[in-house]
Amino acid sequence: MLENSRLRIVYLIAGCSIVAHFAAFTFIETLLSSVLTLPNTWITVCLLIFGIAGLIGNCICGIFIDNHLRKVLCVGLLLVGISLALIILPIFNSKFITLLLLSGWGLGIAIVFVGLQTWIIRVAKKDALPASAIYAAIFNGAVGFGAIFGSGILEHWSVSVLYYLASIITLISLLLLCVSSKILTIKEAEI
């Protein structure tokens, strides 16, 4: 599996985007309570909205993914990257805008997770099962590494720095996705 350059690119994009997401998401309560100073009832509402947006993201992804995988993934990564960057800016510090940005993040990350799995299955073809197993291992490792990365950032800097770095890593994933068709031929990319 790992000798397949197409799969290595997908795994790299997956690893980066999942680390970024979980570095930020692990400390979402810290962001909402300490930085944005939302009351506990609003934190609950925010997390509920994030989850609902994720469900909607799965549905939207299901509608468009067959014919527009690259575009769907680009939109998902862009939503996550922008939401992570804007949520910590003081000019966007209102309950409504926070809910809007969390919705964008939840929607986007659901699209990313489904889109990456679909891309792996398309590229791997008959080797979809072992390729998916590798993706699951990368996913789980990235969850743990993201949490460790996030706590390391918080040890030395602030939640704002953590969210900016998570945004940058997500946008790097988007850049990797965009240039992957340049690295591989369009036919090889199968996205």
C-alpha atoms as a PDB file:
ATOM      1  CA  MET A   1       0.000   0.000   0.000  1.00  0.00           C
ATOM      2  CA  LEU A   2       2.616   2.543   1.018  1.00  0.00           C
ATOM      3  CA  GLU A   3       4.519   2.148  -2.257  1.00  0.00           C
ATOM      4  CA  ASN A   4       1.470   3.667  -4.006  1.00  0.00           C
ATOM      5  CA  SER A   5       2.318   7.374  -4.429  1.00  0.00           C
ATOM      6  CA  ARG A   6      -1.345   8.274  -4.844  1.00  0.00           C
ATOM      7  CA  LEU A   7      -2.227   6.749  -1.481  1.00  0.00           C
ATOM      8  CA  ARG A   8       0.777   8.353   0.220  1.00  0.00           C
ATOM      9  CA  ILE A   9      -0.490  11.785  -0.826  1.00  0.00           C
ATOM     10  CA  VAL A  10      -3.990  11.038   0.504  1.00  0.00           C
ATOM     11  CA  TYR A  11      -2.504   9.723   3.751  1.00  0.00           C
ATOM     12  CA  LEU A  12      -0.361  12.860   4.116  1.00  0.00           C
ATOM     13  CA  ILE A  13      -3.364  15.130   3.571  1.00  0.00           C
ATOM     14  CA  ALA A  14      -5.400  13.015   5.991  1.00  0.00           C
ATOM     15  CA  GLY A  15      -2.702  13.046   8.659  1.00  0.00           C
ATOM     16  CA  CYS A  16      -2.232  16.819   8.480  1.00  0.00           C
ATOM     17  CA  SER A  17      -5.928  17.699   8.484  1.00  0.00           C
ATOM     18  CA  ILE A  18      -6.824  15.242  11.268  1.00  0.00           C
ATOM     19  CA  VAL A  19      -3.936  16.385  13.500  1.00  0.00           C
ATOM     20  CA  ALA A  20      -5.014  20.003  12.995  1.00  0.00           C
ATOM     21  CA  HIS A  21      -8.659  19.270  13.749  1.00  0.00           C
ATOM     22  CA  PHE A  22      -8.011  17.301  16.917  1.00  0.00           C
ATOM     23  CA  ALA A  23      -5.343  19.694  18.171  1.00  0.00           C
ATOM     24  CA  ALA A  24      -8.035  22.379  18.132  1.00  0.00           C
ATOM     25  CA  PHE A  25     -11.068  20.256  19.009  1.00  0.00           C
ATOM     26  CA  THR A  26      -9.422  18.745  22.090  1.00  0.00           C
ATOM     27  CA  PHE A  27      -9.318  22.244  23.572  1.00  0.00           C
ATOM     28  CA  ILE A  28     -12.632  23.568  22.260  1.00  0.00           C
ATOM     29  CA  GLU A  29     -14.042  23.910  25.780  1.00  0.00           C
ATOM     30  CA  THR A  30     -11.010  25.994  26.750  1.00  0.00           C
ATOM     31  CA  LEU A  31     -11.622  28.218  23.742  1.00  0.00           C
ATOM     32  CA  LEU A  32     -15.326  28.627  24.442  1.00  0.00           C
ATOM     33  CA  SER A  33     -15.085  29.146  28.205  1.00  0.00           C
ATOM     34  CA  SER A  34     -11.771  30.950  28.706  1.00  0.00           C
ATOM     35  CA  VAL A  35     -11.105  32.835  25.485  1.00  0.00           C
ATOM     36  CA  LEU A  36     -14.643  33.552  24.283  1.00  0.00           C
ATOM     37  CA  THR A  37     -15.992  33.582  27.872  1.00  0.00           C
ATOM     38  CA  LEU A  38     -19.236  31.846  27.014  1.00  0.00           C
ATOM     39  CA  PRO A  39     -21.423  30.566  29.858  1.00  0.00           C
ATOM     40  CA  ASN A  40     -21.731  26.781  30.299  1.00  0.00           C
ATOM     41  CA  THR A  41     -25.209  26.675  28.766  1.00  0.00           C
ATOM     42  CA  TRP A  42     -23.866  28.294  25.588  1.00  0.00           C
ATOM     43  CA  ILE A  43     -20.950  25.862  25.457  1.00  0.00           C
ATOM     44  CA  THR A  44     -23.484  23.029  25.401  1.00  0.00           C
ATOM     45  CA  VAL A  45     -25.412  24.747  22.617  1.00  0.00           C
ATOM     46  CA  CYS A  46     -22.189  25.324  20.664  1.00  0.00           C
ATOM     47  CA  LEU A  47     -21.197  21.664  20.857  1.00  0.00           C
ATOM     48  CA  LEU A  48     -24.709  20.598  19.846  1.00  0.00           C
ATOM     49  CA  ILE A  49     -24.610  22.929  16.826  1.00  0.00           C
ATOM     50  CA  PHE A  50     -21.154  21.579  15.911  1.00  0.00           C
ATOM     51  CA  GLY A  51     -22.536  18.035  15.948  1.00  0.00           C
ATOM     52  CA  ILE A  52     -25.654  18.914  13.960  1.00  0.00           C
ATOM     53  CA  ALA A  53     -23.493  20.688  11.387  1.00  0.00           C
ATOM     54  CA  GLY A  54     -21.427  17.499  11.127  1.00  0.00           C
ATOM     55  CA  LEU A  55     -24.550  15.477  10.348  1.00  0.00           C
ATOM     56  CA  ILE A  56     -25.523  17.992   7.694  1.00  0.00           C
ATOM     57  CA  GLY A  57     -21.979  17.851   6.300  1.00  0.00           C
ATOM     58  CA  ASN A  58     -22.279  14.081   5.934  1.00  0.00           C
ATOM     59  CA  CYS A  59     -25.542  14.489   4.008  1.00  0.00           C
ATOM     60  CA  ILE A  60     -24.181  17.222   1.748  1.00  0.00           C
ATOM     61  CA  CYS A  61     -21.065  15.177   1.127  1.00  0.00           C
ATOM     62  CA  GLY A  62     -23.194  12.183   0.156  1.00  0.00           C
ATOM     63  CA  ILE A  63     -25.053  14.226  -2.440  1.00  0.00           C
ATOM     64  CA  PHE A  64     -22.026  15.698  -4.227  1.00  0.00           C
ATOM     65  CA  ILE A  65     -19.116  13.354  -3.557  1.00  0.00           C
ATOM     66  CA  ASP A  66     -19.596  10.984  -6.490  1.00  0.00           C
ATOM     67  CA  ASN A  67     -19.172  13.642  -9.145  1.00  0.00           C
ATOM     68  CA  HIS A  68     -17.214  16.351  -7.335  1.00  0.00           C
ATOM     69  CA  LEU A  69     -14.850  14.730  -4.827  1.00  0.00           C
ATOM     70  CA  ARG A  70     -11.995  17.212  -5.253  1.00  0.00           C
ATOM     71  CA  LYS A  71     -14.306  20.224  -4.970  1.00  0.00           C
ATOM     72  CA  VAL A  72     -16.106  18.747  -1.964  1.00  0.00           C
ATOM     73  CA  LEU A  73     -12.799  18.125  -0.180  1.00  0.00           C
ATOM     74  CA  CYS A  74     -11.564  21.606  -1.053  1.00  0.00           C
ATOM     75  CA  VAL A  75     -14.720  23.179   0.361  1.00  0.00           C
ATOM     76  CA  GLY A  76     -14.460  21.072   3.528  1.00  0.00           C
ATOM     77  CA  LEU A  77     -10.816  21.951   4.172  1.00  0.00           C
ATOM     78  CA  LEU A  78     -11.438  25.618   3.383  1.00  0.00           C
ATOM     79  CA  LEU A  79     -14.394  25.760   5.787  1.00  0.00           C
ATOM     80  CA  VAL A  80     -12.355  24.216   8.583  1.00  0.00           C
ATOM     81  CA  GLY A  81      -9.302  26.406   7.945  1.00  0.00           C
ATOM     82  CA  ILE A  82     -11.258  29.641   7.812  1.00  0.00           C
ATOM     83  CA  SER A  83     -13.440  28.763  10.804  1.00  0.00           C
ATOM     84  CA  LEU A  84     -10.401  27.927  12.958  1.00  0.00           C
ATOM     85  CA  ALA A  85      -8.696  31.187  12.017  1.00  0.00           C
ATOM     86  CA  LEU A  86     -11.706  33.468  12.505  1.00  0.00           C
ATOM     87  CA  ILE A  87     -13.165  32.007  15.695  1.00  0.00           C
ATOM     88  CA  ILE A  88     -10.359  33.419  17.821  1.00  0.00           C
ATOM     89  CA  LEU A  89     -10.429  36.943  16.408  1.00  0.00           C
ATOM     90  CA  PRO A  90     -11.892  39.441  18.886  1.00  0.00           C
ATOM     91  CA  ILE A  91     -13.929  41.163  16.162  1.00  0.00           C
ATOM     92  CA  PHE A  92     -15.911  37.936  15.731  1.00  0.00           C
ATOM     93  CA  ASN A  93     -16.544  37.481  19.444  1.00  0.00           C
ATOM     94  CA  SER A  94     -20.334  37.231  19.518  1.00  0.00           C
ATOM     95  CA  LYS A  95     -22.529  34.261  20.305  1.00  0.00           C
ATOM     96  CA  PHE A  96     -24.140  34.238  16.867  1.00  0.00           C
ATOM     97  CA  ILE A  97     -20.864  34.422  14.955  1.00  0.00           C
ATOM     98  CA  THR A  98     -19.335  31.772  17.219  1.00  0.00           C
ATOM     99  CA  LEU A  99     -22.251  29.449  16.392  1.00  0.00           C
ATOM    100  CA  LEU A 100     -21.842  30.241  12.704  1.00  0.00           C
ATOM    101  CA  LEU A 101     -18.105  29.504  12.751  1.00  0.00           C
ATOM    102  CA  LEU A 102     -18.586  26.299  14.755  1.00  0.00           C
ATOM    103  CA  SER A 103     -21.200  25.264  12.205  1.00  0.00           C
ATOM    104  CA  GLY A 104     -18.708  25.858   9.399  1.00  0.00           C
ATOM    105  CA  TRP A 105     -16.065  23.868  11.245  1.00  0.00           C
ATOM    106  CA  GLY A 106     -18.436  20.966  12.010  1.00  0.00           C
ATOM    107  CA  LEU A 107     -19.779  20.924   8.456  1.00  0.00           C
ATOM    108  CA  GLY A 108     -16.306  21.100   6.964  1.00  0.00           C
ATOM    109  CA  ILE A 109     -14.668  18.411   9.088  1.00  0.00           C
ATOM    110  CA  ALA A 110     -17.479  15.942   8.405  1.00  0.00           C
ATOM    111  CA  ILE A 111     -16.994  16.547   4.686  1.00  0.00           C
ATOM    112  CA  VAL A 112     -13.236  16.070   5.058  1.00  0.00           C
ATOM    113  CA  PHE A 113     -13.524  12.770   6.922  1.00  0.00           C
ATOM    114  CA  VAL A 114     -15.988  11.258   4.436  1.00  0.00           C
ATOM    115  CA  GLY A 115     -14.145  12.714   1.448  1.00  0.00           C
ATOM    116  CA  LEU A 116     -10.785  11.314   2.475  1.00  0.00           C
ATOM    117  CA  GLN A 117     -12.206   7.828   3.018  1.00  0.00           C
ATOM    118  CA  THR A 118     -13.892   7.978  -0.386  1.00  0.00           C
ATOM    119  CA  TRP A 119     -10.692   9.124  -2.064  1.00  0.00           C
ATOM    120  CA  ILE A 120      -8.760   6.239  -0.490  1.00  0.00           C
ATOM    121  CA  ILE A 121     -11.332   3.698  -1.676  1.00  0.00           C
ATOM    122  CA  ARG A 122     -11.241   5.117  -5.211  1.00  0.00           C
ATOM    123  CA  VAL A 123      -7.468   5.121  -5.415  1.00  0.00           C
ATOM    124  CA  ALA A 124      -6.975   1.708  -3.790  1.00  0.00           C
ATOM    125  CA  LYS A 125      -9.627  -0.063  -5.895  1.00  0.00           C
ATOM    126  CA  LYS A 126      -9.258  -3.796  -5.163  1.00  0.00           C
ATOM    127  CA  ASP A 127      -6.983  -3.039  -2.201  1.00  0.00           C
ATOM    128  CA  ALA A 128      -9.606  -0.842  -0.529  1.00  0.00           C
ATOM    129  CA  LEU A 129      -9.739  -2.915   2.661  1.00  0.00           C
ATOM    130  CA  PRO A 130      -6.042  -2.774   3.563  1.00  0.00           C
ATOM    131  CA  ALA A 131      -5.847   0.850   2.379  1.00  0.00           C
ATOM    132  CA  SER A 132      -8.791   1.716   4.632  1.00  0.00           C
ATOM    133  CA  ALA A 133      -7.130  -0.101   7.529  1.00  0.00           C
ATOM    134  CA  ILE A 134      -4.020   2.038   7.070  1.00  0.00           C
ATOM    135  CA  TYR A 135      -6.233   5.139   6.953  1.00  0.00           C
ATOM    136  CA  ALA A 136      -7.913   4.063  10.217  1.00  0.00           C
ATOM    137  CA  ALA A 137      -4.495   3.646  11.835  1.00  0.00           C
ATOM    138  CA  ILE A 138      -3.373   7.063  10.552  1.00  0.00           C
ATOM    139  CA  PHE A 139      -6.669   8.584  11.716  1.00  0.00           C
ATOM    140  CA  ASN A 140      -6.340   7.181  15.242  1.00  0.00           C
ATOM    141  CA  GLY A 141      -2.678   8.104  15.485  1.00  0.00           C
ATOM    142  CA  ALA A 142      -3.465  11.612  14.279  1.00  0.00           C
ATOM    143  CA  VAL A 143      -6.192  11.992  16.930  1.00  0.00           C
ATOM    144  CA  GLY A 144      -3.663  11.216  19.656  1.00  0.00           C
ATOM    145  CA  PHE A 145      -0.884  13.244  18.079  1.00  0.00           C
ATOM    146  CA  GLY A 146      -3.254  16.184  17.590  1.00  0.00           C
ATOM    147  CA  ALA A 147      -4.120  16.200  21.295  1.00  0.00           C
ATOM    148  CA  ILE A 148      -0.435  15.978  22.255  1.00  0.00           C
ATOM    149  CA  PHE A 149       0.463  18.698  19.751  1.00  0.00           C
ATOM    150  CA  GLY A 150      -2.323  20.915  21.099  1.00  0.00           C
ATOM    151  CA  SER A 151      -1.264  20.477  24.706  1.00  0.00           C
ATOM    152  CA  GLY A 152       2.362  21.181  23.743  1.00  0.00           C
ATOM    153  CA  ILE A 153       1.321  24.436  22.113  1.00  0.00           C
ATOM    154  CA  LEU A 154      -0.750  25.406  25.152  1.00  0.00           C
ATOM    155  CA  GLU A 155       2.206  24.620  27.412  1.00  0.00           C
ATOM    156  CA  HIS A 156       4.201  27.414  25.762  1.00  0.00           C
ATOM    157  CA  TRP A 157       1.679  29.672  24.060  1.00  0.00           C
ATOM    158  CA  SER A 158      -2.041  30.438  24.023  1.00  0.00           C
ATOM    159  CA  VAL A 159      -5.258  28.953  22.662  1.00  0.00           C
ATOM    160  CA  SER A 160      -5.139  31.598  19.946  1.00  0.00           C
ATOM    161  CA  VAL A 161      -1.752  30.377  18.757  1.00  0.00           C
ATOM    162  CA  LEU A 162      -3.064  26.803  18.804  1.00  0.00           C
ATOM    163  CA  TYR A 163      -6.072  27.714  16.652  1.00  0.00           C
ATOM    164  CA  TYR A 164      -3.948  29.720  14.222  1.00  0.00           C
ATOM    165  CA  LEU A 165      -1.531  26.794  13.834  1.00  0.00           C
ATOM    166  CA  ALA A 166      -4.430  24.360  13.362  1.00  0.00           C
ATOM    167  CA  SER A 167      -5.835  26.687  10.700  1.00  0.00           C
ATOM    168  CA  ILE A 168      -2.472  26.915   8.929  1.00  0.00           C
ATOM    169  CA  ILE A 169      -2.009  23.119   8.957  1.00  0.00           C
ATOM    170  CA  THR A 170      -5.531  22.672   7.563  1.00  0.00           C
ATOM    171  CA  LEU A 171      -4.853  25.180   4.812  1.00  0.00           C
ATOM    172  CA  ILE A 172      -1.570  23.395   4.040  1.00  0.00           C
ATOM    173  CA  SER A 173      -3.667  20.237   3.621  1.00  0.00           C
ATOM    174  CA  LEU A 174      -5.845  22.170   1.180  1.00  0.00           C
ATOM    175  CA  LEU A 175      -2.737  23.303  -0.693  1.00  0.00           C
ATOM    176  CA  LEU A 176      -1.487  19.694  -0.853  1.00  0.00           C
ATOM    177  CA  LEU A 177      -4.859  18.660  -2.251  1.00  0.00           C
ATOM    178  CA  CYS A 178      -4.726  21.388  -4.882  1.00  0.00           C
ATOM    179  CA  VAL A 179      -1.189  20.558  -6.000  1.00  0.00           C
ATOM    180  CA  SER A 180      -1.722  16.789  -5.870  1.00  0.00           C
ATOM    181  CA  SER A 181      -3.131  16.930  -9.404  1.00  0.00           C
ATOM    182  CA  LYS A 182       0.114  18.624 -10.462  1.00  0.00           C
ATOM    183  CA  ILE A 183       2.219  15.940  -8.771  1.00  0.00           C
ATOM    184  CA  LEU A 184       0.105  13.161 -10.247  1.00  0.00           C
ATOM    185  CA  THR A 185      -1.666  13.260 -13.560  1.00  0.00           C
ATOM    186  CA  ILE A 186      -5.379  13.974 -13.280  1.00  0.00           C
ATOM    187  CA  LYS A 187      -6.137  10.394 -14.288  1.00  0.00           C
ATOM    188  CA  GLU A 188      -3.832   9.005 -11.582  1.00  0.00           C
ATOM    189  CA  ALA A 189      -5.210  11.292  -8.904  1.00  0.00           C
ATOM    190  CA  GLU A 190      -8.689   9.791  -9.381  1.00  0.00           C
ATOM    191  CA  ILE A 191     -10.319  12.567  -7.491  1.00  0.00           C
END
